[in-house]
C-alpha atoms as a PDB file:
ATOM      1  CA  MET A   1       0.000   0.000   0.000  1.00  0.00           C
ATOM      2  CA  LYS A   2       2.825   2.417   0.840  1.00  0.00           C
ATOM      3  CA  THR A   3       4.545   1.733  -2.490  1.00  0.00           C
ATOM      4  CA  SER A   4       1.410   2.385  -4.501  1.00  0.00           C
ATOM      5  CA  LYS A   5       0.746   5.641  -2.588  1.00  0.00           C
ATOM      6  CA  TRP A   6       4.334   6.730  -3.205  1.00  0.00           C
ATOM      7  CA  LEU A   7       4.052   5.846  -6.911  1.00  0.00           C
ATOM      8  CA  TYR A   8       0.715   7.652  -7.137  1.00  0.00           C
ATOM      9  CA  ASN A   9       2.229  10.835  -5.633  1.00  0.00           C
ATOM     10  CA  LEU A  10       5.215  10.612  -7.965  1.00  0.00           C
ATOM     11  CA  LEU A  11       2.976  10.293 -11.019  1.00  0.00           C
ATOM     12  CA  LEU A  12       0.780  13.158  -9.818  1.00  0.00           C
ATOM     13  CA  ILE A  13       3.730  15.500  -9.280  1.00  0.00           C
ATOM     14  CA  SER A  14       5.389  14.608 -12.583  1.00  0.00           C
ATOM     15  CA  SER A  15       2.124  15.054 -14.502  1.00  0.00           C
ATOM     16  CA  LEU A  16       1.664  18.472 -12.894  1.00  0.00           C
ATOM     17  CA  LEU A  17       5.204  19.444 -13.888  1.00  0.00           C
ATOM     18  CA  PHE A  18       4.701  18.277 -17.467  1.00  0.00           C
ATOM     19  CA  ALA A  19       1.368  20.067 -17.680  1.00  0.00           C
ATOM     20  CA  SER A  20       2.769  23.308 -16.327  1.00  0.00           C
ATOM     21  CA  ASN A  21       5.724  23.194 -18.728  1.00  0.00           C
ATOM     22  CA  GLY A  22       3.406  22.546 -21.647  1.00  0.00           C
ATOM     23  CA  PHE A  23       1.138  25.392 -20.571  1.00  0.00           C
ATOM     24  CA  ALA A  24       4.076  27.768 -20.234  1.00  0.00           C
ATOM     25  CA  ALA A  25       5.419  26.762 -23.620  1.00  0.00           C
ATOM     26  CA  ALA A  26       2.040  27.403 -25.242  1.00  0.00           C
ATOM     27  CA  GLN A  27       1.874  30.967 -23.838  1.00  0.00           C
ATOM     28  CA  PRO A  28       3.455  33.706 -25.928  1.00  0.00           C
ATOM     29  CA  MET A  29       6.528  35.153 -24.300  1.00  0.00           C
ATOM     30  CA  ALA A  30       6.765  38.909 -23.934  1.00  0.00           C
ATOM     31  CA  GLN A  31       9.794  40.237 -25.746  1.00  0.00           C
ATOM     32  CA  ALA A  32      11.610  43.441 -24.995  1.00  0.00           C
ATOM     33  CA  THR A  33      11.529  45.890 -27.876  1.00  0.00           C
ATOM     34  CA  ALA A  34      13.813  48.843 -28.305  1.00  0.00           C
ATOM     35  CA  THR A  35      12.067  52.195 -28.578  1.00  0.00           C
ATOM     36  CA  THR A  36      15.062  54.050 -29.975  1.00  0.00           C
ATOM     37  CA  ASP A  37      14.970  55.395 -33.498  1.00  0.00           C
ATOM     38  CA  PRO A  38      17.148  53.045 -35.587  1.00  0.00           C
ATOM     39  CA  VAL A  39      18.244  55.833 -37.922  1.00  0.00           C
ATOM     40  CA  ALA A  40      18.334  59.111 -36.028  1.00  0.00           C
ATOM     41  CA  PRO A  41      18.600  62.285 -38.091  1.00  0.00           C
ATOM     42  CA  MET A  42      21.795  64.231 -37.814  1.00  0.00           C
ATOM     43  CA  ILE A  43      22.739  67.847 -38.360  1.00  0.00           C
ATOM     44  CA  GLU A  44      26.256  69.157 -37.842  1.00  0.00           C
ATOM     45  CA  VAL A  45      26.947  72.849 -38.256  1.00  0.00           C
ATOM     46  CA  THR A  46      30.493  74.207 -38.206  1.00  0.00           C
ATOM     47  CA  PHE A  47      31.511  77.870 -38.175  1.00  0.00           C
ATOM     48  CA  ASN A  48      34.456  78.243 -40.563  1.00  0.00           C
ATOM     49  CA  GLY A  49      35.263  81.931 -40.038  1.00  0.00           C
ATOM     50  CA  THR A  50      34.559  85.095 -41.981  1.00  0.00           C
ATOM     51  CA  GLU A  51      35.160  86.378 -45.485  1.00  0.00           C
ATOM     52  CA  GLY A  52      34.796  90.134 -45.571  1.00  0.00           C
ATOM     53  CA  ASN A  53      31.286  90.930 -44.329  1.00  0.00           C
ATOM     54  CA  TYR A  54      30.119  87.288 -44.465  1.00  0.00           C
ATOM     55  CA  LEU A  55      30.003  84.418 -41.956  1.00  0.00           C
ATOM     56  CA  ILE A  56      30.953  81.031 -43.415  1.00  0.00           C
ATOM     57  CA  PHE A  57      29.205  77.871 -42.166  1.00  0.00           C
ATOM     58  CA  THR A  58      29.404  74.240 -43.241  1.00  0.00           C
ATOM     59  CA  VAL A  59      26.218  72.194 -42.732  1.00  0.00           C
ATOM     60  CA  LYS A  60      26.283  68.398 -42.871  1.00  0.00           C
ATOM     61  CA  THR A  61      22.985  66.497 -42.670  1.00  0.00           C
ATOM     62  CA  ALA A  62      22.033  62.834 -42.759  1.00  0.00           C
ATOM     63  CA  THR A  63      18.348  61.983 -42.678  1.00  0.00           C
ATOM     64  CA  PRO A  64      16.274  58.795 -42.960  1.00  0.00           C
ATOM     65  CA  SER A  65      13.579  60.545 -45.037  1.00  0.00           C
ATOM     66  CA  LYS A  66      12.731  63.790 -46.814  1.00  0.00           C
ATOM     67  CA  SER A  67      13.673  66.851 -44.761  1.00  0.00           C
ATOM     68  CA  PHE A  68      13.730  70.648 -44.845  1.00  0.00           C
ATOM     69  CA  LEU A  69      16.675  72.826 -43.882  1.00  0.00           C
ATOM     70  CA  THR A  70      15.931  76.390 -42.796  1.00  0.00           C
ATOM     71  CA  ILE A  71      18.377  79.128 -41.806  1.00  0.00           C
ATOM     72  CA  ARG A  72      16.681  81.722 -39.588  1.00  0.00           C
ATOM     73  CA  THR A  73      17.870  85.019 -38.108  1.00  0.00           C
ATOM     74  CA  ASP A  74      17.181  86.393 -34.635  1.00  0.00           C
ATOM     75  CA  ALA A  75      14.395  88.515 -36.136  1.00  0.00           C
ATOM     76  CA  GLY A  76      12.614  85.317 -37.195  1.00  0.00           C
ATOM     77  CA  THR A  77      13.320  85.878 -40.878  1.00  0.00           C
ATOM     78  CA  ASP A  78      14.137  82.824 -42.976  1.00  0.00           C
ATOM     79  CA  ILE A  79      17.178  83.641 -45.083  1.00  0.00           C
ATOM     80  CA  HIS A  80      17.408  80.189 -46.674  1.00  0.00           C
ATOM     81  CA  ARG A  81      15.082  77.204 -47.016  1.00  0.00           C
ATOM     82  CA  GLU A  82      15.581  74.016 -49.007  1.00  0.00           C
ATOM     83  CA  ALA A  83      14.129  70.530 -49.280  1.00  0.00           C
ATOM     84  CA  ASN A  84      16.486  67.560 -49.048  1.00  0.00           C
ATOM     85  CA  ALA A  85      15.919  63.982 -50.101  1.00  0.00           C
ATOM     86  CA  GLU A  86      16.780  61.004 -47.922  1.00  0.00           C
ATOM     87  CA  GLY A  87      20.495  60.580 -47.291  1.00  0.00           C
ATOM     88  CA  ALA A  88      23.470  62.763 -46.571  1.00  0.00           C
ATOM     89  CA  SER A  89      24.366  66.216 -47.820  1.00  0.00           C
ATOM     90  CA  LEU A  90      27.166  68.699 -47.244  1.00  0.00           C
ATOM     91  CA  ARG A  91      26.621  72.397 -47.926  1.00  0.00           C
ATOM     92  CA  ARG A  92      28.588  75.620 -47.414  1.00  0.00           C
ATOM     93  CA  PHE A  93      26.725  78.854 -46.644  1.00  0.00           C
ATOM     94  CA  LYS A  94      27.827  82.499 -46.725  1.00  0.00           C
ATOM     95  CA  ILE A  95      25.612  84.616 -44.493  1.00  0.00           C
ATOM     96  CA  GLU A  96      25.908  88.390 -44.417  1.00  0.00           C
ATOM     97  CA  LYS A  97      26.767  89.700 -40.932  1.00  0.00           C
ATOM     98  CA  GLY A  98      24.884  92.987 -41.026  1.00  0.00           C
ATOM     99  CA  GLU A  99      23.070  93.447 -37.690  1.00  0.00           C
ATOM    100  CA  LEU A 100      22.855  89.696 -37.119  1.00  0.00           C
ATOM    101  CA  ARG A 101      22.885  88.589 -33.451  1.00  0.00           C
ATOM    102  CA  THR A 102      21.926  84.907 -33.814  1.00  0.00           C
ATOM    103  CA  VAL A 103      21.645  82.484 -36.670  1.00  0.00           C
ATOM    104  CA  GLN A 104      19.702  79.229 -36.348  1.00  0.00           C
ATOM    105  CA  PHE A 105      19.944  76.136 -38.543  1.00  0.00           C
ATOM    106  CA  ILE A 106      16.766  74.031 -38.369  1.00  0.00           C
ATOM    107  CA  LEU A 107      16.396  70.531 -39.794  1.00  0.00           C
ATOM    108  CA  ALA A 108      12.725  69.522 -39.994  1.00  0.00           C
ATOM    109  CA  ILE A 109      11.694  65.915 -40.540  1.00  0.00           C
ATOM    110  CA  ASN A 110       7.969  65.151 -40.448  1.00  0.00           C
ATOM    111  CA  ARG A 111       6.851  67.071 -37.346  1.00  0.00           C
ATOM    112  CA  LYS A 112      10.162  67.048 -35.478  1.00  0.00           C
ATOM    113  CA  GLN A 113      12.749  69.810 -35.573  1.00  0.00           C
ATOM    114  CA  TYR A 114      16.452  69.623 -34.767  1.00  0.00           C
ATOM    115  CA  ALA A 115      18.161  73.005 -34.385  1.00  0.00           C
ATOM    116  CA  ARG A 116      21.649  74.395 -33.941  1.00  0.00           C
ATOM    117  CA  THR A 117      21.880  78.037 -32.850  1.00  0.00           C
ATOM    118  CA  PHE A 118      24.923  80.308 -33.045  1.00  0.00           C
ATOM    119  CA  LYS A 119      25.322  83.685 -31.324  1.00  0.00           C
ATOM    120  CA  VAL A 120      27.061  86.345 -33.363  1.00  0.00           C
ATOM    121  CA  ASN A 121      28.983  89.118 -31.618  1.00  0.00           C
ATOM    122  CA  THR A 122      30.690  91.533 -33.953  1.00  0.00           C
ATOM    123  CA  SER A 123      32.937  94.119 -32.353  1.00  0.00           C
ATOM    124  CA  TYR A 124      35.134  96.680 -33.988  1.00  0.00           C
ATOM    125  CA  THR A 125      38.235  97.961 -32.278  1.00  0.00           C
ATOM    126  CA  GLU A 126      39.010 101.605 -32.734  1.00  0.00           C
ATOM    127  CA  GLN A 127      42.612 102.588 -32.336  1.00  0.00           C
ATOM    128  CA  THR A 128      43.755 106.182 -32.069  1.00  0.00           C
ATOM    129  CA  ASP A 129      47.427 107.088 -32.379  1.00  0.00           C
ATOM    130  CA  VAL A 130      48.623 110.569 -31.469  1.00  0.00           C
ATOM    131  CA  GLU A 131      52.134 111.673 -32.336  1.00  0.00           C
ATOM    132  CA  GLU A 132      53.856 114.992 -32.038  1.00  0.00           C
ATOM    133  CA  ALA A 133      54.518 116.512 -35.387  1.00  0.00           C
ATOM    134  CA  ASN A 134      58.109 117.585 -36.056  1.00  0.00           C
ATOM    135  CA  ARG A 135      58.581 121.282 -36.762  1.00  0.00           C
END
């Protein structure tokens, strides 16, 4: 009697284990998914110096889809706007200094905007030399 009870318990436990493993295997497993954008847009803006009364900038973009590049002044005026296709581009811009205090480069893709802003501070040094004139 003790052997049959022991065998019965063993069969009961093993059948429960097999059933639970089969049930777990039949259930879909939740998988972790990454929420990061696989191809993030990129905009690099480099100030290259001045040429006369102009500021020189190099703009490098790489986008996963169609995008728009806008160059905007501190007054909110768009001084340049262009549409770009998917991929990478490299452009050089000459922007007149004038009374410019900031210049903003905006890359728009769908409804998102990525901006790089530069402050412009133009100062002129006045030098006065006074010498005694020889008589």
